[in-house]
Protein backbone atom coordinates (compact mmCIF):
# COMPACT_ATOMS: atom_id res chain seq x y z
CA MET A 1 85.20 36.11 173.80
CA ARG A 2 86.01 34.31 170.53
CA ARG A 3 86.05 36.37 167.36
CA ARG A 4 82.98 34.55 165.97
CA GLU A 5 81.01 35.44 169.11
CA PHE A 6 82.20 39.04 168.80
CA ILE A 7 81.06 39.20 165.17
CA GLY A 8 77.68 37.83 166.13
CA ARG A 9 77.31 40.39 168.90
CA PHE A 10 77.64 43.17 166.32
CA GLY A 11 75.58 41.47 163.65
CA LEU A 12 78.65 41.34 161.42
CA ILE A 13 77.72 38.03 159.87
CA GLY A 14 77.72 36.72 156.31
CA SER A 15 79.14 39.15 153.79
CA ALA A 16 79.69 41.93 156.33
CA ALA A 17 81.86 39.65 158.44
CA SER A 18 83.74 38.61 155.35
CA ILE A 19 84.49 42.24 154.50
CA LEU A 20 85.72 42.99 158.01
CA PHE A 21 87.77 39.88 158.61
CA GLY A 22 88.62 38.64 155.12
CA GLN A 23 86.67 35.35 155.29
CA GLY A 24 84.65 33.71 152.54
CA SER A 25 84.36 34.35 148.84
CA SER A 26 82.93 37.87 149.16
CA ALA A 27 86.25 39.02 150.63
CA GLN A 28 87.75 38.44 147.18
CA SER A 29 85.18 40.59 145.36
CA ALA A 30 84.40 43.36 147.87
CA PRO A 31 87.06 45.73 149.19
CA LYS A 32 87.57 45.81 152.92
CA ARG A 33 86.11 48.93 154.49
CA PRO A 34 88.36 50.84 156.89
CA ILE A 35 87.52 50.18 160.53
CA ILE A 36 87.33 53.17 162.89
CA ALA A 37 87.33 52.21 166.59
CA TRP A 38 85.58 54.74 168.81
CA ALA A 39 87.44 54.50 172.12
CA GLY A 40 84.98 56.40 174.29
CA ALA A 41 83.51 54.85 177.42
CA PRO A 42 80.86 55.71 180.01
CA PRO A 43 81.94 57.47 183.22
CA ALA A 44 84.28 55.46 185.43
CA GLY A 45 82.50 52.65 187.21
CA ALA A 46 79.37 52.78 185.08
CA PRO A 47 78.21 49.69 183.18
CA ALA A 48 78.39 49.76 179.40
CA GLY A 49 75.85 52.14 177.87
CA ALA A 50 74.70 53.50 181.24
CA ASN A 51 74.65 56.98 182.76
CA VAL A 52 75.87 58.78 179.67
CA PRO A 53 73.76 61.92 179.22
CA GLN A 54 72.25 62.12 175.76
CA PHE A 55 73.66 65.59 175.21
CA ILE A 56 77.18 64.20 175.72
CA LEU A 57 76.59 61.46 173.15
CA ASP A 58 75.23 64.06 170.72
CA LEU A 59 78.08 66.46 171.41
CA VAL A 60 80.94 63.99 171.17
CA PHE A 61 79.94 61.03 169.03
CA GLY A 62 77.24 62.85 167.08
CA ASN A 63 79.58 65.61 165.92
CA PHE A 64 82.28 63.05 165.15
CA VAL A 65 79.85 61.31 162.77
CA LYS A 66 78.95 64.67 161.20
CA GLY A 67 82.65 65.35 160.67
CA LEU A 68 83.09 62.02 158.89
CA LEU A 69 80.13 62.81 156.63
CA GLU A 70 81.70 66.15 155.69
CA PHE A 71 84.59 64.16 154.21
CA GLY A 72 82.38 61.60 152.51
CA TYR A 73 82.52 58.76 155.08
CA GLU A 74 79.33 56.98 156.06
CA GLN A 75 78.86 54.10 158.47
CA GLY A 76 78.26 50.81 156.67
CA ARG A 77 78.88 52.28 153.22
CA ASN A 78 82.59 53.05 153.04
CA ILE A 79 83.69 52.75 156.69
CA ASP A 80 82.79 50.67 159.75
CA VAL A 81 82.68 52.51 163.08
CA ILE A 82 82.77 50.22 166.13
CA LYS A 83 82.11 51.68 169.57
CA ARG A 84 84.13 50.44 172.49
CA PHE A 85 81.22 50.89 174.91
CA ASP A 86 78.95 48.65 172.81
CA MET A 87 81.35 45.71 172.63
CA PHE A 88 80.07 43.80 175.65
CA ALA A 89 76.67 43.73 177.31
CA ASP A 90 77.86 43.81 180.89
CA ARG A 91 81.01 45.93 180.90
CA VAL A 92 83.22 48.28 178.93
CA ALA A 93 85.90 46.59 176.85
CA THR A 94 89.48 47.36 177.79
CA MET A 95 91.50 49.18 175.17
CA GLU A 96 93.64 46.06 174.71
CA GLU A 97 90.54 43.97 174.02
CA MET A 98 89.28 46.48 171.50
CA VAL A 99 92.59 46.58 169.65
CA ALA A 100 92.94 42.79 169.64
CA LEU A 101 89.38 42.03 168.54
CA VAL A 102 88.73 44.87 166.10
CA LYS A 103 92.21 45.50 164.65
CA PRO A 104 91.11 48.98 163.57
CA ASP A 105 92.76 51.20 160.98
CA VAL A 106 92.23 54.27 163.20
CA ILE A 107 91.37 54.68 166.88
CA VAL A 108 89.40 57.81 167.78
CA ALA A 109 89.79 58.89 171.41
CA PRO A 110 87.30 61.53 172.55
CA ALA A 111 89.56 62.88 175.31
CA THR A 112 93.08 62.68 176.74
CA LEU A 113 92.48 59.85 179.20
CA GLN A 114 91.26 57.57 176.40
CA ALA A 115 94.20 58.65 174.21
CA VAL A 116 96.60 57.65 176.99
CA GLU A 117 94.89 54.24 177.25
CA ALA A 118 95.01 53.75 173.49
CA ARG A 119 98.69 54.69 173.32
CA LYS A 120 99.48 52.12 176.04
CA ALA A 121 97.61 49.48 174.04
CA THR A 122 99.34 50.18 170.72
CA SER A 123 102.25 52.14 169.33
CA THR A 124 101.40 51.29 165.72
CA ILE A 125 97.66 51.80 165.18
CA LEU A 126 96.88 55.41 164.36
CA ILE A 127 95.14 57.47 167.09
CA VAL A 128 93.20 60.73 166.74
CA CYS A 129 91.99 62.60 169.84
CA GLY A 130 89.29 65.26 169.76
CA ALA A 131 90.29 66.93 173.04
CA LEU A 132 93.99 66.54 173.83
CA ALA A 133 95.64 68.14 176.84
CA ASP A 134 99.19 68.13 178.19
CA ALA A 135 100.08 65.71 175.39
CA VAL A 136 103.84 66.39 175.37
CA HIS A 137 104.19 65.89 179.12
CA LEU A 138 102.15 62.68 178.93
CA GLY A 139 104.42 61.31 176.22
CA LEU A 140 101.70 61.16 173.56
CA ILE A 141 103.47 63.49 171.15
CA ALA A 142 106.96 64.91 170.65
CA SER A 143 105.71 68.42 169.90
CA GLU A 144 102.52 70.13 168.76
CA ALA A 145 104.04 71.06 165.40
CA ARG A 146 105.43 67.57 164.73
CA PRO A 147 103.74 64.95 166.92
CA GLY A 148 106.15 62.30 165.65
CA GLY A 149 104.38 59.13 166.82
CA ASN A 150 100.98 57.53 166.29
CA VAL A 151 98.88 60.22 168.05
CA THR A 152 97.51 63.55 166.82
CA GLY A 153 94.32 65.59 167.09
CA ILE A 154 92.81 68.79 168.45
CA GLU A 155 93.80 70.63 171.61
CA PRO A 156 90.84 72.69 172.86
CA TYR A 157 92.68 74.48 175.66
CA ILE A 158 94.10 77.83 174.59
CA ALA A 159 96.67 79.55 176.81
CA GLY A 160 95.37 82.92 177.94
CA LEU A 161 91.71 81.98 177.57
CA PRO A 162 91.12 81.92 181.34
CA THR A 163 92.04 85.62 181.44
CA LYS A 164 89.07 86.31 179.16
CA GLN A 165 86.86 84.29 181.50
CA ILE A 166 88.01 86.37 184.46
CA GLU A 167 87.20 89.49 182.46
CA LEU A 168 83.66 88.07 182.16
CA VAL A 169 83.56 88.02 185.97
CA ARG A 170 84.14 91.77 185.97
CA GLU A 171 81.37 92.29 183.42
CA ILE A 172 78.65 90.31 185.18
CA ALA A 173 79.71 91.29 188.72
CA PRO A 174 81.46 94.70 188.65
CA MET A 175 81.67 94.79 192.44
CA ALA A 176 83.17 91.30 192.75
CA ARG A 177 86.31 90.94 194.82
CA ARG A 178 86.34 87.25 195.69
CA VAL A 179 86.39 84.57 192.97
CA GLY A 180 85.75 80.88 193.58
CA LEU A 181 87.33 78.20 191.39
CA LEU A 182 85.66 74.81 191.02
CA THR A 183 88.54 72.61 189.91
CA ASN A 184 89.06 68.99 188.84
CA MET A 185 92.80 68.55 189.12
CA ASN A 186 92.99 64.84 188.30
CA ASP A 187 92.02 65.66 184.69
CA PRO A 188 95.07 66.58 182.55
CA LYS A 189 93.22 69.68 181.33
CA GLY A 190 92.86 70.98 184.89
CA PRO A 191 96.27 72.17 186.16
CA PRO A 192 97.15 74.46 183.20
CA GLN A 193 93.79 76.22 183.46
CA VAL A 194 94.03 76.69 187.20
CA GLY A 195 97.51 78.19 186.90
CA ASP A 196 96.25 80.68 184.31
CA LEU A 197 93.16 81.51 186.35
CA ARG A 198 95.20 82.19 189.48
CA ALA A 199 97.48 84.52 187.54
CA ALA A 200 94.56 86.32 185.90
CA CYS A 201 92.81 86.83 189.23
CA GLN A 202 95.98 88.17 190.79
CA SER A 203 96.56 90.63 187.94
CA LEU A 204 93.01 91.96 188.26
CA GLY A 205 93.08 92.19 192.04
CA PHE A 206 90.73 89.32 192.90
CA SER A 207 91.25 87.03 195.86
CA VAL A 208 90.79 83.33 195.03
CA VAL A 209 89.12 80.44 196.84
CA GLU A 210 89.57 76.96 195.34
CA THR A 211 87.67 73.73 195.89
CA ASP A 212 88.34 70.52 194.00
CA ALA A 213 85.95 67.81 192.78
CA SER A 214 87.54 64.50 191.81
CA THR A 215 84.20 62.70 191.48
CA ALA A 216 80.57 63.65 190.92
CA ASN A 217 79.93 63.05 194.62
CA ASP A 218 82.42 65.82 195.45
CA ILE A 219 80.59 68.50 193.49
CA PRO A 220 77.83 69.43 196.00
CA GLY A 221 80.29 69.79 198.87
CA ALA A 222 82.75 71.78 196.74
CA LEU A 223 80.09 74.29 195.66
CA ALA A 224 78.71 74.51 199.20
CA ALA A 225 82.20 75.33 200.45
CA LEU A 226 82.49 78.16 197.92
CA ALA A 227 79.11 79.51 198.97
CA ASN A 228 80.18 79.37 202.64
CA GLU A 229 83.28 81.36 201.73
CA LYS A 230 80.93 84.00 200.27
CA VAL A 231 82.61 84.19 196.88
CA ASP A 232 81.04 86.65 194.47
CA VAL A 233 81.39 84.53 191.33
CA VAL A 234 82.45 80.94 190.60
CA VAL A 235 84.58 79.97 187.59
CA VAL A 236 84.19 76.31 186.65
CA ILE A 237 87.16 74.89 184.77
CA GLN A 238 86.87 72.81 181.60
CA THR A 239 87.16 69.07 182.29
CA ASN A 240 85.28 65.93 181.29
CA LEU A 241 83.75 65.33 184.71
CA LEU A 242 82.51 68.89 185.17
CA LEU A 243 81.07 68.92 181.66
CA VAL A 244 79.18 65.65 182.15
CA ARG A 245 77.79 67.00 185.45
CA CYS A 246 76.80 70.42 184.06
CA GLU A 247 73.12 70.08 185.01
CA GLN A 248 74.04 69.20 188.59
CA ILE A 249 76.46 72.14 188.80
CA ALA A 250 73.91 74.61 187.42
CA ALA A 251 71.17 73.46 189.80
CA ILE A 252 73.41 73.73 192.87
CA ALA A 253 74.81 77.09 191.77
CA ILE A 254 71.29 78.49 191.43
CA GLU A 255 70.29 77.04 194.80
CA LYS A 256 73.38 78.60 196.43
CA ARG A 257 72.92 81.90 194.55
CA LEU A 258 76.30 81.59 192.86
CA PRO A 259 76.79 83.32 189.50
CA THR A 260 78.90 81.00 187.34
CA VAL A 261 81.34 81.45 184.47
CA PHE A 262 82.28 78.50 182.24
CA GLY A 263 84.41 77.65 179.25
CA TYR A 264 81.91 75.39 177.46
CA ARG A 265 78.54 76.52 176.07
CA GLU A 266 76.94 73.25 177.15
CA HIS A 267 77.00 74.49 180.74
CA VAL A 268 74.95 77.54 179.76
CA ILE A 269 72.51 75.45 177.74
CA HIS A 270 71.88 73.46 180.93
CA GLY A 271 71.43 76.38 183.32
CA GLY A 272 74.82 78.01 183.81
CA LEU A 273 75.05 81.81 183.61
CA VAL A 274 77.71 82.68 181.01
CA SER A 275 80.49 80.93 179.10
CA TYR A 276 83.35 81.88 176.83
CA GLY A 277 85.64 79.36 175.21
CA VAL A 278 86.15 76.88 172.41
CA ASP A 279 83.22 75.24 170.66
CA LEU A 280 83.54 71.52 171.33
CA ARG A 281 81.16 70.78 168.49
CA TRP A 282 83.83 72.04 166.08
CA CYS A 283 86.55 69.99 167.82
CA TYR A 284 84.69 66.71 167.37
CA ARG A 285 83.61 67.46 163.81
CA ARG A 286 87.23 68.27 163.00
CA ILE A 287 88.20 64.66 163.77
CA GLY A 288 86.81 63.85 160.32
CA TYR A 289 89.62 65.84 158.71
CA PHE A 290 92.29 63.86 160.56
CA VAL A 291 90.64 60.50 159.82
CA ASP A 292 90.44 61.40 156.13
CA LYS A 293 94.11 62.38 155.99
CA ILE A 294 95.17 59.18 157.76
CA LEU A 295 93.06 56.93 155.55
CA ARG A 296 94.72 58.63 152.57
CA GLY A 297 98.14 57.62 153.88
CA VAL A 298 99.34 60.57 155.98
CA ARG A 299 100.99 59.49 159.23
CA PRO A 300 99.63 61.06 162.44
CA GLY A 301 103.15 62.09 163.35
CA ASP A 302 103.16 64.37 160.31
CA LEU A 303 99.79 65.98 161.14
CA PRO A 304 100.29 68.97 163.48
CA ILE A 305 98.07 69.37 166.51
CA GLU A 306 95.30 71.86 165.73
CA PHE A 307 93.85 74.57 167.94
CA PRO A 308 90.43 76.22 167.60
CA THR A 309 90.61 79.71 166.14
CA GLU A 310 87.05 80.85 166.91
CA PHE A 311 85.46 81.15 170.34
CA TRP A 312 81.88 80.95 171.55
CA LEU A 313 80.18 83.37 173.96
CA ALA A 314 76.89 82.24 175.50
CA ALA A 315 74.58 83.69 178.14
CA ASN A 316 71.48 82.38 179.91
CA LEU A 317 69.06 85.23 180.67
CA LYS A 318 66.66 82.92 182.51
CA THR A 319 69.42 82.03 184.98
CA ALA A 320 70.47 85.69 185.21
CA LYS A 321 66.93 86.67 186.19
CA THR A 322 66.76 83.91 188.80
CA LEU A 323 70.05 85.04 190.33
CA GLY A 324 69.24 88.76 190.09
CA VAL A 325 72.23 89.36 187.80
CA THR A 326 72.13 91.98 185.06
CA VAL A 327 73.97 90.80 181.96
CA PRO A 328 75.45 93.89 180.23
CA THR A 329 73.88 94.80 176.90
CA GLY A 330 77.35 94.96 175.36
CA LEU A 331 77.99 91.33 176.30
CA LEU A 332 74.62 90.28 174.88
CA ALA A 333 75.30 92.17 171.65
CA HIS A 334 78.49 90.15 171.11
CA ALA A 335 77.07 86.81 172.29
CA ASP A 336 76.92 83.93 169.84
CA GLU A 337 74.06 82.35 171.77
CA VAL A 338 71.53 83.75 174.25
CA ILE A 339 69.16 81.47 176.17
CA GLU A 340 65.90 83.22 177.14
């Protein structure tokens, strides 16, 4: 696609095109607005704009926009935000295409896999990720305290958090002895969580049954396998796939009579039993802070990785009633959110 066709596709014609690409007389009188490239994409294999649940768009992109507004940035006024998944009508643009066509000042990657793609496409354009995982091992950063390259952001996984989730198992199922883990090990966020969960279960005397889901099609069989193993409670780890498919997981868990513990509140909003973990809404709003710092001249390599300091406890009493589970009053008293 030629640049002129690309500009037309976005409606960036006339003066707006001149601002973005420095063409025409208006480029001499109007300052160029910074360009923020949103590097998100629909689930693998989906056409552009398809099969993305609205709640995911609201959670990820919606909170990112709110975070920009908190620092005074507004689309079309003092920044231009261009979405990767809107670039072509029939497919998702590659990261290389986005970088070449848009030439952004900052790339925002919603999760680790997009950050890895962006880093392969450019070592110079500045990249902020709202949900980093295993970033040192993947070569994205040198260290959490001093990232050192062109990538920084927020890491929503906190070591030791799975132990708290296993303690939730004891609260909602005091007689539980057998814990099922629904894993998604091809996501970089998966292996560290599973290691912590195994250790926490062992320390509390639980036996563990694991099933893995690499795709959405694997989820029904994985949960059925856990039900066949007669686990008392299922802990669902925190990954992109399992978050996107939270409604499917909740429906199957209720059908199979499986009490479920999660890390993200969105699972509970969509029918899961209880969750305890980081608030992803905060993570994506916090991107605005990093974008602001970068646009003011701070290099990503000098911006330390941030970790959430507050955690969110949610419970769904409607699901508890359906499953015949009594949620302790002490848990409800401390809950940040209760669905009735």
